[in-house]
Each structure stands twice: as C-alpha cells, then as structure tokens.
Amino acid sequence: MHSSEHQLQQRIQELEVELAASRAELQEFTYTVSHDLRAPLRHLVSFARLLEEEAGAQLTGESADFLRTITASADHMGVLLDALTALSRLGAVQALPGAVELAPVVESCVREVQAGFVDRVVAVTVDVPAPLEVLADEAIVRQALSQVLANAFKFTAKVAEPVISVSVHQAPEGKVQLRVEDNGAGFNPAMQDKLFKVFGRLHSAKQFPGLGVGLLTAQRLLAKVGATISLVPREQGGTLACLLFPQAKK
C-alpha cells in the first residue's frame, strides 16, 4: 500500500513538471511569434503611410478607403501583438503571497479606475469592512481588480444611470468573496465559455472597445495566489464578478 501511494505521488510530481514545462514552452512560443511578426508589420505600416503621404491626394473613392483600411488593420494587428506579448509574460510574474488588507486596496483601485472615466457620472458604492485581510499578493490583487472594475465602467457606458457596487462576503471553507456588480450590458450565459479565452469578446468592438484579454489576465494573475474569478449575468441586467480569496490567518 505504501509503495502504491509513493508511486502515485511520484507520478503526480512528474505530471506537474511536465505541465510546467508545457506552459513554459507555450509562453515562449507565443512571445517568439508575436516578436517575429513585428518586423514585417512595421514594414507594412511604414509603406502604407508612405503611400498615403505620397499618393493619398490622388486616391479617391474605394482606393482611398482601401488604403485607410490597410493602415487601420495594421495598427490593430500591432495592438493585438502587444496584448499577446503581455499575456506571454504573465507566466514570469512572481507572486509573493502574504496578508493583504482589502479595504485600502479596493478604495485605491476604484479611485484610479474612475479617474480614467472622468467624462462619465457613475454611482459607485464600496462596502468593504476593515480590517479584513486575504492571503494574496497586493500587486496581483490591484491588477486583477482594476481589470474587473474597468470592465464594469466600460459596459455601463450605455446605461442612463450606471451603478457599480463593490462588496465583500464570507464564503465557505474560510474564504473571502470580493464582488463587483454593475447594471451594464451583461452577457448571454450561452457565451460564458468565451469569457476567459484569448481575445474572447461577448460584444462587438463597435458596441464596446477592447481586445478581450482583461478577464484572462485577471484569471491568470489570481491563480498565482490560489484565488479564482467567475462572472455571471444578473437577472435585473448587468454582471456580477466574484473574486474568491483564501482568508489570511489571524
């Protein structure tokens, strides 16, 4: 019996090593591809802009539209490559788990994200008791929460009276749930599997700008400290995002 348990444990360790190696290879591949595509993309952008400068005045109708489309598409490809590079680098992020007090972090994130939407009037409520500490890395909590808050602000852009609430709730097994709720566009539950995929978008770029990497970034960062993120559409409209953390031991 002891021998079987030892063999099982050894196999688990081997699989963990193989999985880590596969992830590292995938990250390296993604970074290499995004890096190697930049040179031809730069040439494409440069020559398209030169053509626009030298012959733009002579182009009319569809020809002018074609050239503008080439330039805009190349610029967009550059943005996508930047996003892929950033995602590939997440694997190298080192987490330093420790006790993180949520209240000041949440309040700071709300202020910073709200400052990016100065042209909007959004009612934001924060209900996070102090002191309440979770086991995490403060930098990771900030990055993940900022992504979620930015989504909440973005997807309430077409609501007459946008409301965002941030609250904390005790969860089973000694965990803490940080909730971000909004009354925005929400999403179709049937498309939920796209939420955490690379460039996974549930709305068109014309409806709401963005690349579709924010939630995936938050998910990968939170996993480094044993935390999770999930989203569900609210019955009354909008979205409920739940970040689940281990509670710090007192």
C-alpha atoms as a PDB file:
ATOM      1  CA  MET A   1       0.000   0.000   0.000  1.00  0.00           C
ATOM      2  CA  HIS A   2       2.810   2.371   0.931  1.00  0.00           C
ATOM      3  CA  SER A   3       4.579   1.576  -2.343  1.00  0.00           C
ATOM      4  CA  SER A   4       1.448   2.368  -4.384  1.00  0.00           C
ATOM      5  CA  GLU A   5       0.995   5.714  -2.634  1.00  0.00           C
ATOM      6  CA  HIS A   6       4.643   6.565  -3.249  1.00  0.00           C
ATOM      7  CA  GLN A   7       4.345   5.692  -6.948  1.00  0.00           C
ATOM      8  CA  LEU A   8       1.171   7.762  -7.261  1.00  0.00           C
ATOM      9  CA  GLN A   9       2.805  10.745  -5.575  1.00  0.00           C
ATOM     10  CA  GLN A  10       5.849  10.388  -7.799  1.00  0.00           C
ATOM     11  CA  ARG A  11       3.655  10.274 -10.907  1.00  0.00           C
ATOM     12  CA  ILE A  12       1.774  13.380  -9.794  1.00  0.00           C
ATOM     13  CA  GLN A  13       5.065  15.224  -9.355  1.00  0.00           C
ATOM     14  CA  GLU A  14       6.208  14.102 -12.808  1.00  0.00           C
ATOM     15  CA  LEU A  15       2.961  15.328 -14.364  1.00  0.00           C
ATOM     16  CA  GLU A  16       3.304  18.679 -12.593  1.00  0.00           C
ATOM     17  CA  VAL A  17       6.822  19.065 -14.004  1.00  0.00           C
ATOM     18  CA  GLU A  18       5.596  18.150 -17.493  1.00  0.00           C
ATOM     19  CA  LEU A  19       2.712  20.607 -17.213  1.00  0.00           C
ATOM     20  CA  ALA A  20       5.023  23.397 -16.075  1.00  0.00           C
ATOM     21  CA  ALA A  21       7.366  22.662 -18.988  1.00  0.00           C
ATOM     22  CA  SER A  22       4.467  22.709 -21.464  1.00  0.00           C
ATOM     23  CA  ARG A  23       3.267  26.043 -20.125  1.00  0.00           C
ATOM     24  CA  ALA A  24       6.764  27.495 -20.383  1.00  0.00           C
ATOM     25  CA  GLU A  25       7.077  26.273 -23.976  1.00  0.00           C
ATOM     26  CA  LEU A  26       3.701  27.757 -24.885  1.00  0.00           C
ATOM     27  CA  GLN A  27       4.631  31.099 -23.329  1.00  0.00           C
ATOM     28  CA  GLU A  28       7.952  31.115 -25.175  1.00  0.00           C
ATOM     29  CA  PHE A  29       6.228  30.217 -28.453  1.00  0.00           C
ATOM     30  CA  THR A  30       3.657  32.990 -28.034  1.00  0.00           C
ATOM     31  CA  TYR A  31       6.344  35.542 -27.232  1.00  0.00           C
ATOM     32  CA  THR A  32       8.517  34.436 -30.176  1.00  0.00           C
ATOM     33  CA  VAL A  33       5.652  34.535 -32.664  1.00  0.00           C
ATOM     34  CA  SER A  34       4.493  37.974 -31.529  1.00  0.00           C
ATOM     35  CA  HIS A  35       8.095  39.251 -31.607  1.00  0.00           C
ATOM     36  CA  ASP A  36       8.924  37.825 -35.053  1.00  0.00           C
ATOM     37  CA  LEU A  37       5.775  39.261 -36.606  1.00  0.00           C
ATOM     38  CA  ARG A  38       6.687  42.795 -35.602  1.00  0.00           C
ATOM     39  CA  ALA A  39       9.330  43.412 -38.287  1.00  0.00           C
ATOM     40  CA  PRO A  40       7.080  42.661 -41.296  1.00  0.00           C
ATOM     41  CA  LEU A  41       4.239  44.508 -39.586  1.00  0.00           C
ATOM     42  CA  ARG A  42       6.413  47.610 -39.127  1.00  0.00           C
ATOM     43  CA  HIS A  43       7.302  47.477 -42.827  1.00  0.00           C
ATOM     44  CA  LEU A  44       3.639  47.169 -43.765  1.00  0.00           C
ATOM     45  CA  VAL A  45       2.672  50.159 -41.631  1.00  0.00           C
ATOM     46  CA  SER A  46       5.601  52.269 -42.852  1.00  0.00           C
ATOM     47  CA  PHE A  47       4.973  51.647 -46.545  1.00  0.00           C
ATOM     48  CA  ALA A  48       1.223  52.127 -46.186  1.00  0.00           C
ATOM     49  CA  ARG A  49       1.789  55.516 -44.558  1.00  0.00           C
ATOM     50  CA  LEU A  50       4.376  56.495 -47.174  1.00  0.00           C
ATOM     51  CA  LEU A  51       1.900  55.590 -49.891  1.00  0.00           C
ATOM     52  CA  GLU A  52      -0.772  57.620 -48.128  1.00  0.00           C
ATOM     53  CA  GLU A  53       1.540  60.656 -47.901  1.00  0.00           C
ATOM     54  CA  GLU A  54       2.805  60.489 -51.485  1.00  0.00           C
ATOM     55  CA  ALA A  55      -0.281  59.355 -53.362  1.00  0.00           C
ATOM     56  CA  GLY A  56      -3.087  59.917 -50.905  1.00  0.00           C
ATOM     57  CA  ALA A  57      -4.307  63.079 -52.638  1.00  0.00           C
ATOM     58  CA  GLN A  58      -4.568  61.214 -55.945  1.00  0.00           C
ATOM     59  CA  LEU A  59      -6.621  58.382 -54.499  1.00  0.00           C
ATOM     60  CA  THR A  60     -10.374  58.735 -54.432  1.00  0.00           C
ATOM     61  CA  GLY A  61     -13.405  56.645 -53.606  1.00  0.00           C
ATOM     62  CA  GLU A  62     -12.755  52.975 -52.926  1.00  0.00           C
ATOM     63  CA  SER A  63      -8.992  53.272 -53.485  1.00  0.00           C
ATOM     64  CA  ALA A  64      -8.664  55.773 -50.641  1.00  0.00           C
ATOM     65  CA  ASP A  65     -10.876  53.583 -48.435  1.00  0.00           C
ATOM     66  CA  PHE A  66      -8.730  50.523 -49.210  1.00  0.00           C
ATOM     67  CA  LEU A  67      -5.561  52.324 -48.148  1.00  0.00           C
ATOM     68  CA  ARG A  68      -7.140  53.568 -44.916  1.00  0.00           C
ATOM     69  CA  THR A  69      -8.324  50.036 -44.178  1.00  0.00           C
ATOM     70  CA  ILE A  70      -4.811  48.640 -44.694  1.00  0.00           C
ATOM     71  CA  THR A  71      -3.315  51.203 -42.308  1.00  0.00           C
ATOM     72  CA  ALA A  72      -6.029  50.742 -39.663  1.00  0.00           C
ATOM     73  CA  SER A  73      -5.804  46.939 -39.845  1.00  0.00           C
ATOM     74  CA  ALA A  74      -2.022  47.012 -39.494  1.00  0.00           C
ATOM     75  CA  ASP A  75      -2.289  49.322 -36.474  1.00  0.00           C
ATOM     76  CA  HIS A  76      -4.851  46.968 -34.918  1.00  0.00           C
ATOM     77  CA  MET A  77      -2.576  43.986 -35.523  1.00  0.00           C
ATOM     78  CA  GLY A  78       0.162  45.821 -33.637  1.00  0.00           C
ATOM     79  CA  VAL A  79      -2.177  46.274 -30.676  1.00  0.00           C
ATOM     80  CA  LEU A  80      -3.070  42.569 -30.757  1.00  0.00           C
ATOM     81  CA  LEU A  81       0.608  41.593 -30.803  1.00  0.00           C
ATOM     82  CA  ASP A  82       1.242  43.848 -27.803  1.00  0.00           C
ATOM     83  CA  ALA A  83      -1.581  42.069 -25.965  1.00  0.00           C
ATOM     84  CA  LEU A  84      -0.182  38.626 -26.840  1.00  0.00           C
ATOM     85  CA  THR A  85       3.268  39.659 -25.633  1.00  0.00           C
ATOM     86  CA  ALA A  86       1.831  40.928 -22.349  1.00  0.00           C
ATOM     87  CA  LEU A  87      -0.086  37.667 -21.855  1.00  0.00           C
ATOM     88  CA  SER A  88       3.013  35.574 -22.552  1.00  0.00           C
ATOM     89  CA  ARG A  89       4.914  37.487 -19.873  1.00  0.00           C
ATOM     90  CA  LEU A  90       2.354  36.745 -17.167  1.00  0.00           C
ATOM     91  CA  GLY A  91       3.957  33.354 -16.635  1.00  0.00           C
ATOM     92  CA  ALA A  92       7.110  35.062 -15.395  1.00  0.00           C
ATOM     93  CA  VAL A  93       5.258  37.120 -12.784  1.00  0.00           C
ATOM     94  CA  GLN A  94       6.397  36.066  -9.316  1.00  0.00           C
ATOM     95  CA  ALA A  95       3.753  36.150  -6.609  1.00  0.00           C
ATOM     96  CA  LEU A  96       4.663  36.968  -3.016  1.00  0.00           C
ATOM     97  CA  PRO A  97       1.647  35.787  -1.003  1.00  0.00           C
ATOM     98  CA  GLY A  98       1.006  37.477   2.298  1.00  0.00           C
ATOM     99  CA  ALA A  99      -1.721  39.200   4.291  1.00  0.00           C
ATOM    100  CA  VAL A 100      -3.380  41.912   2.184  1.00  0.00           C
ATOM    101  CA  GLU A 101      -5.923  44.268   3.729  1.00  0.00           C
ATOM    102  CA  LEU A 102      -8.708  44.628   1.179  1.00  0.00           C
ATOM    103  CA  ALA A 103     -10.309  47.949   2.149  1.00  0.00           C
ATOM    104  CA  PRO A 104      -7.453  50.327   1.205  1.00  0.00           C
ATOM    105  CA  VAL A 105      -6.635  48.331  -1.935  1.00  0.00           C
ATOM    106  CA  VAL A 106     -10.251  48.398  -3.132  1.00  0.00           C
ATOM    107  CA  GLU A 107     -10.689  52.109  -2.413  1.00  0.00           C
ATOM    108  CA  SER A 108      -7.436  52.929  -4.208  1.00  0.00           C
ATOM    109  CA  CYS A 109      -8.355  50.832  -7.264  1.00  0.00           C
ATOM    110  CA  VAL A 110     -11.792  52.425  -7.501  1.00  0.00           C
ATOM    111  CA  ARG A 111     -10.265  55.925  -7.443  1.00  0.00           C
ATOM    112  CA  GLU A 112      -7.648  55.060 -10.069  1.00  0.00           C
ATOM    113  CA  VAL A 113     -10.049  53.360 -12.476  1.00  0.00           C
ATOM    114  CA  GLN A 114     -12.717  56.037 -12.016  1.00  0.00           C
ATOM    115  CA  ALA A 115     -10.124  58.694 -12.896  1.00  0.00           C
ATOM    116  CA  GLY A 116      -9.923  57.139 -16.352  1.00  0.00           C
ATOM    117  CA  PHE A 117     -13.630  57.799 -16.919  1.00  0.00           C
ATOM    118  CA  VAL A 118     -13.803  61.476 -15.932  1.00  0.00           C
ATOM    119  CA  ASP A 119     -16.376  62.153 -18.648  1.00  0.00           C
ATOM    120  CA  ARG A 120     -18.809  59.719 -17.011  1.00  0.00           C
ATOM    121  CA  VAL A 121     -21.067  60.046 -13.978  1.00  0.00           C
ATOM    122  CA  VAL A 122     -21.156  56.626 -12.335  1.00  0.00           C
ATOM    123  CA  ALA A 123     -22.583  55.875  -8.892  1.00  0.00           C
ATOM    124  CA  VAL A 124     -20.006  53.689  -7.143  1.00  0.00           C
ATOM    125  CA  THR A 125     -20.549  52.186  -3.696  1.00  0.00           C
ATOM    126  CA  VAL A 126     -17.893  50.355  -1.694  1.00  0.00           C
ATOM    127  CA  ASP A 127     -18.751  48.132   1.265  1.00  0.00           C
ATOM    128  CA  VAL A 128     -15.518  46.512   2.420  1.00  0.00           C
ATOM    129  CA  PRO A 129     -15.072  46.280   6.196  1.00  0.00           C
ATOM    130  CA  ALA A 130     -11.722  46.997   7.781  1.00  0.00           C
ATOM    131  CA  PRO A 131      -9.607  45.317   8.852  1.00  0.00           C
ATOM    132  CA  LEU A 132     -10.194  42.291   6.619  1.00  0.00           C
ATOM    133  CA  GLU A 133      -7.167  40.510   5.216  1.00  0.00           C
ATOM    134  CA  VAL A 134      -6.867  37.916   2.467  1.00  0.00           C
ATOM    135  CA  LEU A 135      -3.920  35.714   1.581  1.00  0.00           C
ATOM    136  CA  ALA A 136      -2.661  37.136  -1.705  1.00  0.00           C
ATOM    137  CA  ASP A 137      -0.133  39.450  -3.334  1.00  0.00           C
ATOM    138  CA  GLU A 138      -1.151  43.122  -3.200  1.00  0.00           C
ATOM    139  CA  ALA A 139       0.148  43.910  -6.693  1.00  0.00           C
ATOM    140  CA  ILE A 140      -1.806  40.993  -8.145  1.00  0.00           C
ATOM    141  CA  VAL A 141      -4.993  41.979  -6.304  1.00  0.00           C
ATOM    142  CA  ARG A 142      -4.645  45.512  -7.668  1.00  0.00           C
ATOM    143  CA  GLN A 143      -4.088  44.388 -11.252  1.00  0.00           C
ATOM    144  CA  ALA A 144      -6.916  41.854 -11.253  1.00  0.00           C
ATOM    145  CA  LEU A 145      -9.419  44.132  -9.522  1.00  0.00           C
ATOM    146  CA  SER A 146      -8.525  47.025 -11.832  1.00  0.00           C
ATOM    147  CA  GLN A 147      -9.293  44.846 -14.858  1.00  0.00           C
ATOM    148  CA  VAL A 148     -12.686  43.894 -13.429  1.00  0.00           C
ATOM    149  CA  LEU A 149     -13.545  47.467 -12.444  1.00  0.00           C
ATOM    150  CA  ALA A 150     -12.518  48.781 -15.864  1.00  0.00           C
ATOM    151  CA  ASN A 151     -14.922  46.288 -17.433  1.00  0.00           C
ATOM    152  CA  ALA A 152     -17.709  47.424 -15.129  1.00  0.00           C
ATOM    153  CA  PHE A 153     -17.174  51.053 -16.124  1.00  0.00           C
ATOM    154  CA  LYS A 154     -16.891  50.196 -19.816  1.00  0.00           C
ATOM    155  CA  PHE A 155     -20.005  48.051 -20.031  1.00  0.00           C
ATOM    156  CA  THR A 156     -22.199  50.593 -18.226  1.00  0.00           C
ATOM    157  CA  ALA A 157     -21.418  53.263 -20.833  1.00  0.00           C
ATOM    158  CA  LYS A 158     -24.838  52.972 -22.487  1.00  0.00           C
ATOM    159  CA  VAL A 159     -26.880  52.931 -19.292  1.00  0.00           C
ATOM    160  CA  ALA A 160     -28.741  56.112 -18.342  1.00  0.00           C
ATOM    161  CA  GLU A 161     -27.919  55.760 -14.630  1.00  0.00           C
ATOM    162  CA  PRO A 162     -24.861  53.489 -14.277  1.00  0.00           C
ATOM    163  CA  VAL A 163     -24.306  51.877 -10.892  1.00  0.00           C
ATOM    164  CA  ILE A 164     -21.317  49.844  -9.711  1.00  0.00           C
ATOM    165  CA  SER A 165     -21.044  48.257  -6.274  1.00  0.00           C
ATOM    166  CA  VAL A 166     -18.059  46.584  -4.630  1.00  0.00           C
ATOM    167  CA  SER A 167     -18.660  44.439  -1.564  1.00  0.00           C
ATOM    168  CA  VAL A 168     -17.148  41.638   0.489  1.00  0.00           C
ATOM    169  CA  HIS A 169     -18.839  38.456   1.693  1.00  0.00           C
ATOM    170  CA  GLN A 170     -17.665  35.497   3.746  1.00  0.00           C
ATOM    171  CA  ALA A 171     -17.571  32.277   1.733  1.00  0.00           C
ATOM    172  CA  PRO A 172     -17.338  28.619   2.796  1.00  0.00           C
ATOM    173  CA  GLU A 173     -14.029  26.965   3.687  1.00  0.00           C
ATOM    174  CA  GLY A 174     -12.567  30.101   5.218  1.00  0.00           C
ATOM    175  CA  LYS A 175     -12.566  32.118   2.017  1.00  0.00           C
ATOM    176  CA  VAL A 176     -13.490  35.703   1.203  1.00  0.00           C
ATOM    177  CA  GLN A 177     -15.553  36.733  -1.807  1.00  0.00           C
ATOM    178  CA  LEU A 178     -14.971  40.157  -3.332  1.00  0.00           C
ATOM    179  CA  ARG A 179     -17.921  41.100  -5.542  1.00  0.00           C
ATOM    180  CA  VAL A 180     -18.115  43.725  -8.277  1.00  0.00           C
ATOM    181  CA  GLU A 181     -21.649  44.270  -9.578  1.00  0.00           C
ATOM    182  CA  ASP A 182     -22.849  46.564 -12.352  1.00  0.00           C
ATOM    183  CA  ASN A 183     -26.101  47.314 -14.160  1.00  0.00           C
ATOM    184  CA  GLY A 184     -24.500  47.414 -17.590  1.00  0.00           C
ATOM    185  CA  ALA A 185     -24.805  45.384 -20.773  1.00  0.00           C
ATOM    186  CA  GLY A 186     -24.411  41.991 -19.115  1.00  0.00           C
ATOM    187  CA  PHE A 187     -23.893  38.983 -21.373  1.00  0.00           C
ATOM    188  CA  ASN A 188     -25.582  35.914 -22.792  1.00  0.00           C
ATOM    189  CA  PRO A 189     -24.970  32.916 -20.465  1.00  0.00           C
ATOM    190  CA  ALA A 190     -24.621  30.700 -23.542  1.00  0.00           C
ATOM    191  CA  MET A 191     -21.409  32.580 -24.394  1.00  0.00           C
ATOM    192  CA  GLN A 192     -19.873  32.208 -20.937  1.00  0.00           C
ATOM    193  CA  ASP A 193     -17.154  29.846 -22.185  1.00  0.00           C
ATOM    194  CA  LYS A 194     -15.607  32.742 -24.135  1.00  0.00           C
ATOM    195  CA  LEU A 195     -15.077  34.919 -21.052  1.00  0.00           C
ATOM    196  CA  PHE A 196     -11.575  33.705 -20.242  1.00  0.00           C
ATOM    197  CA  LYS A 197     -10.258  32.958 -23.728  1.00  0.00           C
ATOM    198  CA  VAL A 198      -7.629  34.975 -25.606  1.00  0.00           C
ATOM    199  CA  PHE A 199      -9.427  37.790 -27.434  1.00  0.00           C
ATOM    200  CA  GLY A 200     -12.722  36.383 -26.180  1.00  0.00           C
ATOM    201  CA  ARG A 201     -15.325  39.074 -26.782  1.00  0.00           C
ATOM    202  CA  LEU A 202     -19.022  38.874 -25.955  1.00  0.00           C
ATOM    203  CA  HIS A 203     -19.834  42.187 -27.644  1.00  0.00           C
ATOM    204  CA  SER A 204     -18.645  43.699 -30.905  1.00  0.00           C
ATOM    205  CA  ALA A 205     -15.854  46.285 -30.957  1.00  0.00           C
ATOM    206  CA  LYS A 206     -18.354  48.808 -32.311  1.00  0.00           C
ATOM    207  CA  GLN A 207     -20.530  48.349 -29.232  1.00  0.00           C
ATOM    208  CA  PHE A 208     -17.708  48.399 -26.690  1.00  0.00           C
ATOM    209  CA  PRO A 209     -13.995  48.913 -27.420  1.00  0.00           C
ATOM    210  CA  GLY A 210     -11.382  46.492 -26.121  1.00  0.00           C
ATOM    211  CA  LEU A 211      -9.393  43.404 -27.037  1.00  0.00           C
ATOM    212  CA  GLY A 212     -10.907  40.721 -24.829  1.00  0.00           C
ATOM    213  CA  VAL A 213      -7.844  39.930 -22.716  1.00  0.00           C
ATOM    214  CA  GLY A 214      -8.640  41.718 -19.449  1.00  0.00           C
ATOM    215  CA  LEU A 215     -10.510  38.884 -17.734  1.00  0.00           C
ATOM    216  CA  LEU A 216      -7.994  36.286 -18.884  1.00  0.00           C
ATOM    217  CA  THR A 217      -5.211  38.449 -17.456  1.00  0.00           C
ATOM    218  CA  ALA A 218      -7.056  38.714 -14.136  1.00  0.00           C
ATOM    219  CA  GLN A 219      -7.680  34.961 -14.043  1.00  0.00           C
ATOM    220  CA  ARG A 220      -4.047  34.043 -14.684  1.00  0.00           C
ATOM    221  CA  LEU A 221      -2.758  36.505 -12.107  1.00  0.00           C
ATOM    222  CA  LEU A 222      -5.211  35.386  -9.412  1.00  0.00           C
ATOM    223  CA  ALA A 223      -4.309  31.734  -9.968  1.00  0.00           C
ATOM    224  CA  LYS A 224      -0.786  32.559  -8.799  1.00  0.00           C
ATOM    225  CA  VAL A 225      -2.099  33.245  -5.278  1.00  0.00           C
ATOM    226  CA  GLY A 226      -4.712  30.479  -5.150  1.00  0.00           C
ATOM    227  CA  ALA A 227      -7.589  32.835  -5.954  1.00  0.00           C
ATOM    228  CA  THR A 228     -10.287  32.473  -8.609  1.00  0.00           C
ATOM    229  CA  ILE A 229     -12.613  34.690 -10.619  1.00  0.00           C
ATOM    230  CA  SER A 230     -16.065  33.954 -12.027  1.00  0.00           C
ATOM    231  CA  LEU A 231     -18.739  36.024 -13.756  1.00  0.00           C
ATOM    232  CA  VAL A 232     -22.491  35.580 -14.026  1.00  0.00           C
ATOM    233  CA  PRO A 233     -25.150  37.768 -15.663  1.00  0.00           C
ATOM    234  CA  ARG A 234     -27.539  39.445 -13.214  1.00  0.00           C
ATOM    235  CA  GLU A 235     -31.265  38.780 -13.609  1.00  0.00           C
ATOM    236  CA  GLN A 236     -32.002  42.510 -13.446  1.00  0.00           C
ATOM    237  CA  GLY A 237     -29.320  43.270 -16.036  1.00  0.00           C
ATOM    238  CA  GLY A 238     -25.585  43.722 -15.782  1.00  0.00           C
ATOM    239  CA  THR A 239     -22.861  41.464 -14.464  1.00  0.00           C
ATOM    240  CA  LEU A 240     -21.693  40.062 -11.142  1.00  0.00           C
ATOM    241  CA  ALA A 241     -17.969  39.333 -10.922  1.00  0.00           C
ATOM    242  CA  CYS A 242     -16.727  37.295  -7.952  1.00  0.00           C
ATOM    243  CA  LEU A 243     -13.090  37.161  -6.872  1.00  0.00           C
ATOM    244  CA  LEU A 244     -12.545  34.389  -4.315  1.00  0.00           C
ATOM    245  CA  PHE A 245      -9.516  34.602  -1.994  1.00  0.00           C
ATOM    246  CA  PRO A 246      -8.225  32.489   0.889  1.00  0.00           C
ATOM    247  CA  GLN A 247      -8.632  34.469   4.097  1.00  0.00           C
ATOM    248  CA  ALA A 248      -5.397  35.363   5.858  1.00  0.00           C
ATOM    249  CA  LYS A 249      -4.870  33.558   9.143  1.00  0.00           C
ATOM    250  CA  LYS A 250      -5.128  35.727  12.213  1.00  0.00           C
END
